[in-house]
N, C-alpha and C. Protein backbone atom coordinates (compact mmCIF):
# COMPACT_ATOMS: atom_id res chain seq x y z
N MET A 1 86.61 113.65 215.90
CA MET A 1 87.61 112.85 215.15
C MET A 1 88.17 113.67 214.10
N ALA A 2 89.45 113.62 213.90
CA ALA A 2 90.21 114.37 212.74
C ALA A 2 90.31 113.43 211.64
N ALA A 3 90.72 113.98 210.56
CA ALA A 3 90.82 113.20 209.26
C ALA A 3 91.82 112.00 209.47
N ASP A 4 91.52 110.90 208.83
CA ASP A 4 92.33 109.77 208.95
C ASP A 4 93.63 109.83 208.05
N SER A 5 94.41 108.81 207.86
CA SER A 5 95.52 108.86 207.16
C SER A 5 95.36 109.03 205.65
N TYR A 6 94.06 108.84 205.28
CA TYR A 6 93.61 109.04 203.81
C TYR A 6 93.10 110.46 203.61
N GLY A 7 93.01 111.15 204.68
CA GLY A 7 92.46 112.55 204.51
C GLY A 7 90.93 112.51 204.74
N ASN A 8 90.32 111.39 205.10
CA ASN A 8 88.80 111.29 205.18
C ASN A 8 88.52 111.61 206.63
N ASP A 9 87.39 112.44 206.82
CA ASP A 9 86.80 112.77 208.11
C ASP A 9 85.41 112.52 208.16
N ILE A 10 85.06 111.43 208.73
CA ILE A 10 83.61 111.01 208.86
C ILE A 10 82.75 112.02 209.60
N THR A 11 83.32 112.87 210.47
CA THR A 11 82.55 113.86 211.22
C THR A 11 82.07 115.04 210.27
N GLN A 12 82.64 115.07 209.07
CA GLN A 12 82.28 116.11 208.08
C GLN A 12 81.27 115.62 207.11
N VAL A 13 80.75 114.41 207.18
CA VAL A 13 79.68 113.91 206.40
C VAL A 13 78.38 114.47 206.90
N PHE A 14 77.64 115.10 205.94
CA PHE A 14 76.28 115.64 206.38
C PHE A 14 75.21 114.63 206.17
N VAL A 15 74.61 114.21 207.26
CA VAL A 15 73.55 113.26 207.30
C VAL A 15 72.33 114.01 207.97
N PRO A 16 71.38 114.41 207.07
CA PRO A 16 70.25 115.26 207.64
C PRO A 16 69.44 114.36 208.52
N VAL A 17 68.94 115.05 209.64
CA VAL A 17 68.08 114.34 210.61
C VAL A 17 66.72 115.12 210.75
N THR A 18 66.75 116.38 210.49
CA THR A 18 65.49 117.22 210.58
C THR A 18 65.74 118.52 209.73
N GLY A 19 64.71 119.34 209.72
CA GLY A 19 64.76 120.57 209.00
C GLY A 19 63.44 121.19 208.86
N ALA A 20 63.38 122.26 208.06
CA ALA A 20 62.11 123.04 207.90
C ALA A 20 62.23 123.75 206.48
N ILE A 21 61.00 123.89 206.00
CA ILE A 21 60.89 124.82 204.84
C ILE A 21 59.86 125.96 205.24
N GLY A 22 60.40 127.25 204.91
CA GLY A 22 59.55 128.43 205.14
C GLY A 22 59.32 129.16 203.93
N PHE A 23 58.25 129.94 203.88
CA PHE A 23 57.95 130.85 202.75
C PHE A 23 57.38 132.19 203.28
N ALA A 24 57.45 133.13 202.41
CA ALA A 24 56.93 134.47 202.69
C ALA A 24 56.44 135.03 201.29
N PRO A 25 55.57 136.07 201.39
CA PRO A 25 55.10 136.69 200.20
C PRO A 25 56.28 137.13 199.26
N ALA A 26 56.04 137.16 197.99
CA ALA A 26 57.01 137.71 197.02
C ALA A 26 57.28 139.08 197.46
N GLY A 27 58.63 139.55 197.27
CA GLY A 27 58.92 140.84 197.72
C GLY A 27 59.52 140.97 199.09
N THR A 28 59.30 139.90 199.98
CA THR A 28 59.91 139.85 201.28
C THR A 28 61.38 139.77 201.20
N THR A 29 62.09 140.59 201.92
CA THR A 29 63.47 140.61 201.91
C THR A 29 64.03 139.27 202.36
N LEU A 30 64.98 138.67 201.56
CA LEU A 30 65.67 137.56 202.07
C LEU A 30 66.63 137.79 203.18
N PRO A 31 66.74 136.72 204.09
CA PRO A 31 67.74 136.86 205.19
C PRO A 31 69.15 137.13 204.59
N THR A 32 69.88 137.94 205.27
CA THR A 32 71.27 138.32 204.81
C THR A 32 72.16 137.15 205.07
N ASP A 33 73.38 137.20 204.57
CA ASP A 33 74.40 136.15 204.87
C ASP A 33 74.67 136.05 206.43
N GLU A 34 74.68 137.30 207.05
CA GLU A 34 74.96 137.22 208.48
C GLU A 34 73.84 136.61 209.25
N GLU A 35 72.57 136.84 208.84
CA GLU A 35 71.44 136.23 209.44
C GLU A 35 71.44 134.75 209.29
N LEU A 36 71.67 134.32 208.02
CA LEU A 36 71.61 132.88 207.67
C LEU A 36 72.70 132.15 208.44
N ALA A 37 73.79 132.83 208.74
CA ALA A 37 74.90 132.11 209.48
C ALA A 37 74.72 132.19 210.98
N ASP A 38 73.62 132.87 211.42
CA ASP A 38 73.38 132.93 212.90
C ASP A 38 72.76 131.59 213.33
N PRO A 39 73.37 130.82 214.18
CA PRO A 39 72.77 129.51 214.64
C PRO A 39 71.38 129.77 215.34
N ASP A 40 71.15 130.90 215.92
CA ASP A 40 69.96 131.17 216.57
C ASP A 40 68.97 132.03 215.78
N LEU A 41 69.08 131.92 214.41
CA LEU A 41 68.13 132.64 213.51
C LEU A 41 66.71 132.50 213.86
N VAL A 42 66.06 133.63 213.91
CA VAL A 42 64.63 133.48 214.06
C VAL A 42 64.06 134.48 212.96
N LEU A 43 63.27 133.83 212.02
CA LEU A 43 62.76 134.55 210.81
C LEU A 43 61.63 135.61 211.30
N PRO A 44 61.45 136.67 210.61
CA PRO A 44 60.42 137.62 210.93
C PRO A 44 59.00 137.04 210.80
N ALA A 45 58.02 137.73 211.31
CA ALA A 45 56.66 137.19 211.30
C ALA A 45 56.11 136.95 209.93
N ALA A 46 56.64 137.68 208.82
CA ALA A 46 56.10 137.45 207.47
C ALA A 46 56.36 135.99 207.01
N TRP A 47 57.32 135.38 207.59
CA TRP A 47 57.72 133.94 207.17
C TRP A 47 56.85 132.97 207.87
N LYS A 48 56.29 132.01 207.12
CA LYS A 48 55.47 130.87 207.68
C LYS A 48 56.25 129.66 207.32
N LYS A 49 55.96 128.53 208.12
CA LYS A 49 56.63 127.28 207.87
C LYS A 49 55.59 126.39 207.29
N LEU A 50 56.09 125.49 206.38
CA LEU A 50 55.22 124.51 205.74
C LEU A 50 55.07 123.21 206.52
N GLY A 51 55.39 123.27 207.81
CA GLY A 51 55.08 122.20 208.66
C GLY A 51 55.83 120.92 208.43
N LEU A 52 55.30 119.80 208.74
CA LEU A 52 55.89 118.51 208.69
C LEU A 52 56.07 118.14 207.19
N LEU A 53 57.08 117.41 206.98
CA LEU A 53 57.43 116.82 205.66
C LEU A 53 57.35 115.35 205.84
N THR A 54 57.01 114.47 204.75
CA THR A 54 57.00 113.14 204.88
C THR A 54 58.35 112.63 205.12
N GLU A 55 58.43 111.36 205.56
CA GLU A 55 59.73 110.73 205.97
C GLU A 55 60.74 110.81 204.74
N ASP A 56 60.24 110.57 203.56
CA ASP A 56 61.14 110.67 202.41
C ASP A 56 61.02 111.94 201.63
N GLY A 57 60.47 113.03 202.31
CA GLY A 57 60.18 114.18 201.58
C GLY A 57 61.01 115.37 201.92
N GLY A 58 62.25 115.23 202.50
CA GLY A 58 63.06 116.33 202.79
C GLY A 58 63.53 117.03 201.45
N PRO A 59 64.12 118.17 201.62
CA PRO A 59 64.54 118.98 200.44
C PRO A 59 65.40 118.19 199.54
N GLU A 60 65.05 118.19 198.23
CA GLU A 60 65.82 117.47 197.13
C GLU A 60 66.05 118.58 196.17
N TRP A 61 67.37 118.93 195.95
CA TRP A 61 67.77 120.04 195.09
C TRP A 61 68.31 119.53 193.77
N THR A 62 67.94 120.28 192.67
CA THR A 62 68.54 120.13 191.42
C THR A 62 69.22 121.45 191.11
N LEU A 63 70.44 121.47 190.80
CA LEU A 63 71.12 122.74 190.54
C LEU A 63 72.01 122.36 189.35
N GLU A 64 71.52 122.65 188.14
CA GLU A 64 72.33 122.20 186.93
C GLU A 64 72.17 123.18 185.86
N PRO A 65 73.21 123.26 184.99
CA PRO A 65 73.11 124.15 183.78
C PRO A 65 72.10 123.59 182.88
N ASP A 66 71.55 124.46 182.01
CA ASP A 66 70.50 124.03 181.11
C ASP A 66 70.91 124.77 179.81
N GLY A 67 70.60 124.11 178.76
CA GLY A 67 70.88 124.74 177.40
C GLY A 67 72.35 124.42 176.91
N ASP A 68 72.55 124.60 175.62
CA ASP A 68 73.80 124.25 174.95
C ASP A 68 74.77 125.43 175.34
N LYS A 69 76.07 125.00 175.42
CA LYS A 69 77.14 125.90 175.68
C LYS A 69 77.26 126.84 174.45
N ILE A 70 77.72 128.08 174.71
CA ILE A 70 78.00 129.02 173.64
C ILE A 70 79.43 128.62 173.13
N LEU A 71 79.54 128.21 171.97
CA LEU A 71 80.89 127.83 171.36
C LEU A 71 81.54 129.01 170.62
N PHE A 72 82.90 128.90 170.55
CA PHE A 72 83.57 129.86 169.71
C PHE A 72 84.26 129.14 168.63
N PHE A 73 84.72 129.94 167.65
CA PHE A 73 85.42 129.36 166.51
C PHE A 73 86.65 128.57 166.88
N GLN A 74 87.35 129.18 167.89
CA GLN A 74 88.60 128.46 168.32
C GLN A 74 88.26 127.32 169.15
N ASP A 75 88.74 126.15 168.89
CA ASP A 75 88.51 124.97 169.45
C ASP A 75 88.84 124.96 170.98
N GLY A 76 87.85 124.48 171.79
CA GLY A 76 88.10 124.42 173.22
C GLY A 76 87.54 125.56 173.99
N TYR A 77 87.08 126.66 173.36
CA TYR A 77 86.56 127.74 174.03
C TYR A 77 85.13 127.84 174.05
N ASN A 78 84.53 127.95 175.23
CA ASN A 78 83.09 127.96 175.36
C ASN A 78 82.63 128.70 176.58
N LEU A 79 81.39 129.13 176.70
CA LEU A 79 80.74 129.73 177.89
C LEU A 79 79.47 128.98 178.13
N PRO A 80 79.13 128.86 179.40
CA PRO A 80 77.82 128.34 179.72
C PRO A 80 76.71 129.16 179.20
N SER A 81 75.55 128.59 178.87
CA SER A 81 74.50 129.30 178.25
C SER A 81 73.88 130.40 179.24
N GLY A 82 74.09 130.24 180.51
CA GLY A 82 73.50 131.03 181.56
C GLY A 82 72.21 130.63 182.02
N LEU A 83 71.59 129.65 181.27
CA LEU A 83 70.41 129.08 181.63
C LEU A 83 70.56 128.02 182.71
N ALA A 84 69.64 127.82 183.60
CA ALA A 84 69.78 126.81 184.66
C ALA A 84 68.52 126.30 185.17
N ASN A 85 68.64 125.01 185.66
CA ASN A 85 67.47 124.35 186.31
C ASN A 85 67.78 124.37 187.80
N ALA A 86 67.22 125.34 188.47
CA ALA A 86 67.38 125.42 189.96
C ALA A 86 66.03 124.98 190.65
N GLN A 87 65.93 123.82 191.09
CA GLN A 87 64.67 123.38 191.64
C GLN A 87 64.91 122.73 193.07
N LEU A 88 63.78 122.82 193.77
CA LEU A 88 63.61 122.29 195.03
C LEU A 88 62.40 121.25 194.98
N VAL A 89 62.53 120.08 195.35
CA VAL A 89 61.31 119.15 195.44
C VAL A 89 61.21 118.73 196.91
N ALA A 90 60.07 118.90 197.50
CA ALA A 90 59.87 118.52 198.93
C ALA A 90 58.43 117.86 198.98
N LYS A 91 58.30 116.88 199.87
CA LYS A 91 57.01 116.44 199.98
C LYS A 91 56.37 116.81 201.30
N LEU A 92 55.31 117.75 201.14
CA LEU A 92 54.71 118.38 202.33
C LEU A 92 53.71 117.44 202.80
N ALA A 93 53.71 117.30 204.17
CA ALA A 93 52.80 116.22 204.85
C ALA A 93 51.48 116.83 205.34
N GLN A 94 51.54 118.14 205.75
CA GLN A 94 50.39 118.74 206.30
C GLN A 94 49.38 119.24 205.21
N THR A 95 48.10 119.20 205.63
CA THR A 95 47.08 119.80 204.74
C THR A 95 46.42 121.05 205.52
N ASP A 96 47.17 122.01 205.70
CA ASP A 96 46.73 123.25 206.41
C ASP A 96 46.65 124.41 205.38
N ALA A 97 46.21 125.58 205.90
CA ALA A 97 46.14 126.81 205.08
C ALA A 97 47.43 127.21 204.35
N ASN A 98 48.60 127.10 205.07
CA ASN A 98 49.91 127.35 204.54
C ASN A 98 50.19 126.55 203.33
N THR A 99 49.98 125.18 203.57
CA THR A 99 50.28 124.29 202.47
C THR A 99 49.30 124.57 201.26
N GLN A 100 48.02 124.73 201.51
CA GLN A 100 47.13 124.97 200.40
C GLN A 100 47.51 126.26 199.70
N LEU A 101 47.98 127.37 200.34
CA LEU A 101 48.33 128.50 199.70
C LEU A 101 49.42 128.27 198.77
N VAL A 102 50.49 127.46 199.18
CA VAL A 102 51.68 127.23 198.35
C VAL A 102 51.25 126.29 197.28
N VAL A 103 50.55 125.27 197.45
CA VAL A 103 50.19 124.20 196.37
C VAL A 103 49.18 124.78 195.51
N HIS A 104 48.17 125.36 196.01
CA HIS A 104 47.03 125.82 195.10
C HIS A 104 46.89 127.25 194.83
N GLY A 105 47.70 128.10 195.60
CA GLY A 105 47.69 129.50 195.26
C GLY A 105 46.66 130.33 196.03
N LYS A 106 45.91 129.60 196.92
CA LYS A 106 44.84 130.23 197.68
C LYS A 106 44.68 129.55 198.99
N THR A 107 44.06 130.15 199.90
CA THR A 107 43.60 129.61 201.21
C THR A 107 42.15 129.26 201.20
N PRO A 108 41.71 128.34 202.05
CA PRO A 108 40.29 127.95 202.10
C PRO A 108 39.47 129.02 202.82
N ASN A 109 38.20 129.07 202.43
CA ASN A 109 37.26 129.95 203.07
C ASN A 109 36.81 129.48 204.44
N ALA A 110 35.85 130.13 205.18
CA ALA A 110 35.45 129.69 206.50
C ALA A 110 34.85 128.28 206.46
N ASN A 111 34.41 127.74 205.31
CA ASN A 111 33.93 126.35 205.27
C ASN A 111 35.03 125.42 204.88
N GLY A 112 36.24 125.87 204.72
CA GLY A 112 37.32 124.97 204.33
C GLY A 112 37.30 124.64 202.90
N TYR A 113 36.65 125.47 202.11
CA TYR A 113 36.46 125.15 200.69
C TYR A 113 37.46 126.12 199.80
N ILE A 114 37.90 125.48 198.82
CA ILE A 114 38.65 126.37 197.72
C ILE A 114 38.37 125.66 196.35
N THR A 115 38.51 126.38 195.32
CA THR A 115 38.52 125.80 194.02
C THR A 115 39.97 125.64 193.64
N ILE A 116 40.16 124.62 192.85
CA ILE A 116 41.59 124.34 192.42
C ILE A 116 41.69 124.31 190.90
N ASP A 117 42.74 125.08 190.52
CA ASP A 117 43.03 125.06 189.07
C ASP A 117 44.17 124.16 188.79
N ALA A 118 44.00 123.08 188.21
CA ALA A 118 45.00 122.05 188.02
C ALA A 118 46.18 122.66 187.06
N GLY A 119 45.90 123.73 186.43
CA GLY A 119 46.95 124.42 185.63
C GLY A 119 48.02 125.10 186.44
N GLY A 120 47.78 125.23 187.80
CA GLY A 120 48.79 125.79 188.61
C GLY A 120 48.35 127.30 188.89
N HIS A 121 49.31 127.90 189.51
CA HIS A 121 49.08 129.37 189.81
C HIS A 121 50.41 130.09 189.57
N SER A 122 50.36 131.47 189.59
CA SER A 122 51.59 132.24 189.28
C SER A 122 52.12 132.91 190.56
N LEU A 123 51.72 132.64 191.74
CA LEU A 123 52.24 133.28 192.87
C LEU A 123 53.73 132.88 193.16
N GLU A 124 54.55 133.97 193.49
CA GLU A 124 55.89 133.77 193.79
C GLU A 124 56.13 133.92 195.30
N PHE A 125 57.10 133.12 195.76
CA PHE A 125 57.27 133.13 197.23
C PHE A 125 58.86 133.39 197.43
N ALA A 126 59.14 134.11 198.58
CA ALA A 126 60.57 134.10 199.17
C ALA A 126 60.53 132.77 199.86
N MET A 127 61.64 132.02 199.65
CA MET A 127 61.74 130.62 200.27
C MET A 127 62.95 130.51 201.22
N PHE A 128 62.88 129.65 202.09
CA PHE A 128 63.87 129.40 203.08
C PHE A 128 63.83 127.89 203.41
N THR A 129 65.07 127.21 203.37
CA THR A 129 65.17 125.84 203.82
C THR A 129 66.23 125.73 204.88
N GLU A 130 66.04 124.82 205.79
CA GLU A 130 67.01 124.63 206.83
C GLU A 130 67.03 123.10 207.04
N GLU A 131 68.24 122.58 206.87
CA GLU A 131 68.59 121.18 207.15
C GLU A 131 69.58 121.07 208.30
N ILE A 132 69.29 120.26 209.22
CA ILE A 132 70.17 120.09 210.42
C ILE A 132 70.72 118.63 210.36
N GLY A 133 72.03 118.52 210.38
CA GLY A 133 72.66 117.24 210.31
C GLY A 133 72.92 116.55 211.56
N LYS A 134 73.15 115.28 211.56
CA LYS A 134 73.45 114.45 212.67
C LYS A 134 74.74 114.96 213.47
N ASN A 135 75.60 115.49 212.65
CA ASN A 135 76.87 116.04 213.42
C ASN A 135 76.57 117.48 213.86
N GLY A 136 75.45 118.03 213.77
CA GLY A 136 75.09 119.41 214.34
C GLY A 136 75.32 120.46 213.31
N ASP A 137 75.82 120.23 212.13
CA ASP A 137 75.95 121.23 211.07
C ASP A 137 74.60 121.60 210.69
N ILE A 138 74.43 122.80 210.17
CA ILE A 138 73.17 123.35 209.66
C ILE A 138 73.45 123.88 208.25
N ARG A 139 72.60 123.53 207.27
CA ARG A 139 72.63 124.10 205.99
C ARG A 139 71.30 124.85 205.64
N ARG A 140 71.45 126.15 205.41
CA ARG A 140 70.36 126.94 205.05
C ARG A 140 70.48 127.52 203.65
N ARG A 141 69.32 127.56 202.92
CA ARG A 141 69.22 128.19 201.59
C ARG A 141 68.10 129.08 201.47
N THR A 142 68.21 130.16 200.61
CA THR A 142 67.15 131.08 200.51
C THR A 142 67.14 131.62 199.10
N GLY A 143 65.99 132.01 198.57
CA GLY A 143 65.83 132.54 197.23
C GLY A 143 64.35 132.79 196.99
N TYR A 144 64.10 133.09 195.66
CA TYR A 144 62.66 133.41 195.23
C TYR A 144 62.27 132.37 194.27
N ALA A 145 61.06 131.79 194.49
CA ALA A 145 60.60 130.69 193.64
C ALA A 145 59.07 130.68 193.41
N THR A 146 58.76 129.95 192.33
CA THR A 146 57.35 129.79 191.99
C THR A 146 57.13 128.19 192.01
N VAL A 147 55.87 127.79 192.17
CA VAL A 147 55.47 126.34 192.17
C VAL A 147 55.23 125.99 190.77
N SER A 148 56.01 124.92 190.32
CA SER A 148 55.84 124.50 188.90
C SER A 148 54.91 123.18 188.88
N GLY A 149 54.67 122.59 189.97
CA GLY A 149 53.70 121.43 189.90
C GLY A 149 53.73 120.78 191.30
N THR A 150 52.67 120.09 191.50
CA THR A 150 52.46 119.25 192.71
C THR A 150 51.79 117.91 192.27
N LYS A 151 52.29 116.94 192.86
CA LYS A 151 51.80 115.54 192.69
C LYS A 151 51.40 115.02 194.04
N GLU A 152 50.12 114.73 194.12
CA GLU A 152 49.61 114.15 195.39
C GLU A 152 49.87 112.66 195.56
N ASP A 153 50.31 112.22 196.60
CA ASP A 153 50.46 110.80 196.88
C ASP A 153 49.22 110.04 196.74
N LYS A 154 49.31 108.78 196.42
CA LYS A 154 48.19 108.00 196.33
C LYS A 154 47.69 107.77 197.80
N SER A 155 46.30 107.80 198.08
CA SER A 155 45.78 107.56 199.39
C SER A 155 45.91 106.13 199.73
N GLU A 156 46.70 105.82 200.85
CA GLU A 156 46.76 104.35 201.23
C GLU A 156 46.47 104.44 202.75
N ARG A 157 45.64 103.40 203.11
CA ARG A 157 45.28 103.35 204.48
C ARG A 157 46.38 103.28 205.42
N GLY A 158 46.46 104.16 206.37
CA GLY A 158 47.53 104.15 207.37
C GLY A 158 48.88 104.88 206.93
N SER A 159 48.82 105.48 205.78
CA SER A 159 49.99 106.27 205.32
C SER A 159 49.79 107.65 205.23
N VAL A 160 50.80 108.42 205.38
CA VAL A 160 50.73 109.81 205.26
C VAL A 160 50.59 110.26 203.89
N LYS A 161 49.60 111.15 203.51
CA LYS A 161 49.39 111.60 202.17
C LYS A 161 50.23 112.85 201.94
N GLY A 162 51.25 112.72 201.07
CA GLY A 162 52.17 113.86 200.92
C GLY A 162 51.82 114.59 199.65
N TYR A 163 52.26 115.83 199.53
CA TYR A 163 52.11 116.66 198.29
C TYR A 163 53.58 116.98 197.81
N GLU A 164 54.02 116.16 196.84
CA GLU A 164 55.32 116.38 196.29
C GLU A 164 55.28 117.64 195.40
N THR A 165 55.94 118.70 195.89
CA THR A 165 55.80 120.11 195.27
C THR A 165 57.20 120.48 194.78
N THR A 166 57.15 121.00 193.55
CA THR A 166 58.41 121.48 192.84
C THR A 166 58.40 122.88 192.79
N PHE A 167 59.49 123.48 193.35
CA PHE A 167 59.65 124.87 193.29
C PHE A 167 60.77 125.29 192.36
N ASP A 168 60.51 126.25 191.52
CA ASP A 168 61.59 126.68 190.48
C ASP A 168 62.08 127.98 191.00
N PHE A 169 63.51 128.03 191.25
CA PHE A 169 64.08 129.30 191.72
C PHE A 169 64.58 130.22 190.51
N ARG A 170 64.45 131.42 190.67
CA ARG A 170 64.97 132.46 189.67
C ARG A 170 66.11 133.16 190.20
N ARG A 171 66.77 133.77 189.25
CA ARG A 171 67.91 134.66 189.61
C ARG A 171 67.38 135.97 190.28
N ASP A 172 68.02 136.55 191.15
CA ASP A 172 67.68 137.76 191.77
C ASP A 172 68.87 138.72 192.02
N ALA A 173 68.61 139.95 191.81
CA ALA A 173 69.72 140.93 191.95
C ALA A 173 70.27 140.87 193.40
N SER A 174 69.34 140.64 194.45
CA SER A 174 69.84 140.56 195.84
C SER A 174 70.73 139.36 196.04
N LEU A 175 70.85 138.46 195.08
CA LEU A 175 71.73 137.35 195.22
C LEU A 175 72.78 137.26 194.15
N ASN A 176 73.22 138.53 193.74
CA ASN A 176 74.37 138.77 192.70
C ASN A 176 73.87 138.09 191.34
N ASN A 177 72.54 138.22 191.12
CA ASN A 177 71.97 137.67 189.88
C ASN A 177 72.16 136.16 189.83
N GLU A 178 72.26 135.48 191.00
CA GLU A 178 72.19 134.06 191.07
C GLU A 178 70.96 133.50 191.66
N HIS A 179 70.76 132.16 191.84
CA HIS A 179 69.50 131.59 192.24
C HIS A 179 69.33 131.47 193.69
N LEU A 180 70.37 131.23 194.45
CA LEU A 180 70.36 130.92 195.91
C LEU A 180 71.33 131.53 196.76
N GLY A 181 70.98 131.89 197.96
CA GLY A 181 71.97 132.13 198.95
C GLY A 181 72.08 131.02 199.89
N GLN A 182 73.29 130.61 200.30
CA GLN A 182 73.55 129.46 201.19
C GLN A 182 74.45 129.76 202.25
N ALA A 183 74.14 129.21 203.51
CA ALA A 183 75.17 129.21 204.55
C ALA A 183 75.15 127.89 205.21
N ILE A 184 76.35 127.44 205.41
CA ILE A 184 76.61 126.23 206.22
C ILE A 184 77.21 126.63 207.62
N ILE A 185 76.52 126.37 208.62
CA ILE A 185 77.06 126.58 209.96
C ILE A 185 77.58 125.33 210.59
N LYS A 186 78.85 125.29 210.85
CA LYS A 186 79.54 124.14 211.36
C LYS A 186 79.15 124.04 212.86
N ALA A 187 79.04 122.81 213.32
CA ALA A 187 78.79 122.63 214.72
C ALA A 187 80.04 122.96 215.48
N ALA A 188 79.71 123.38 216.71
CA ALA A 188 80.85 123.83 217.58
C ALA A 188 81.77 122.71 217.85
């Protein structure tokens, strides 16, 4: 369907139906723009997936300036502070070694045991998200992030126990000193 007489095109509305979140150790090279734009992208072996997400736990992004603008003597002139809040919140559904590494900063031993520091951990990860829309469009994002917090869902009989995890993205030279690389692949 093409745009209607008002210029609206419902086929261009992104309605996510599935997706994935991947991570790799800090220092792992991020996919290039050409790789992100490849509909058949396969990430190298260093990348691991965080598995299933809860029904309401798909990627939730916050991309906003932070801090007061830099004002000039002349009225109306200003610059952004350069500070930003670049965050991803997702609700991880699986309780496997990959999830525990990201959430707690360590993997369980042979007995399935770990110690947990509720103060968090300082591991950094290369991150990758992929969202696939009902119309066949794909949105991919990548960057470097740390985990700033995790909130576990309340245990309820018969419900998935999710781990609402917040990732803080930093600027990186490989991304033109910006926070994320993004590719939107339009359906054929």
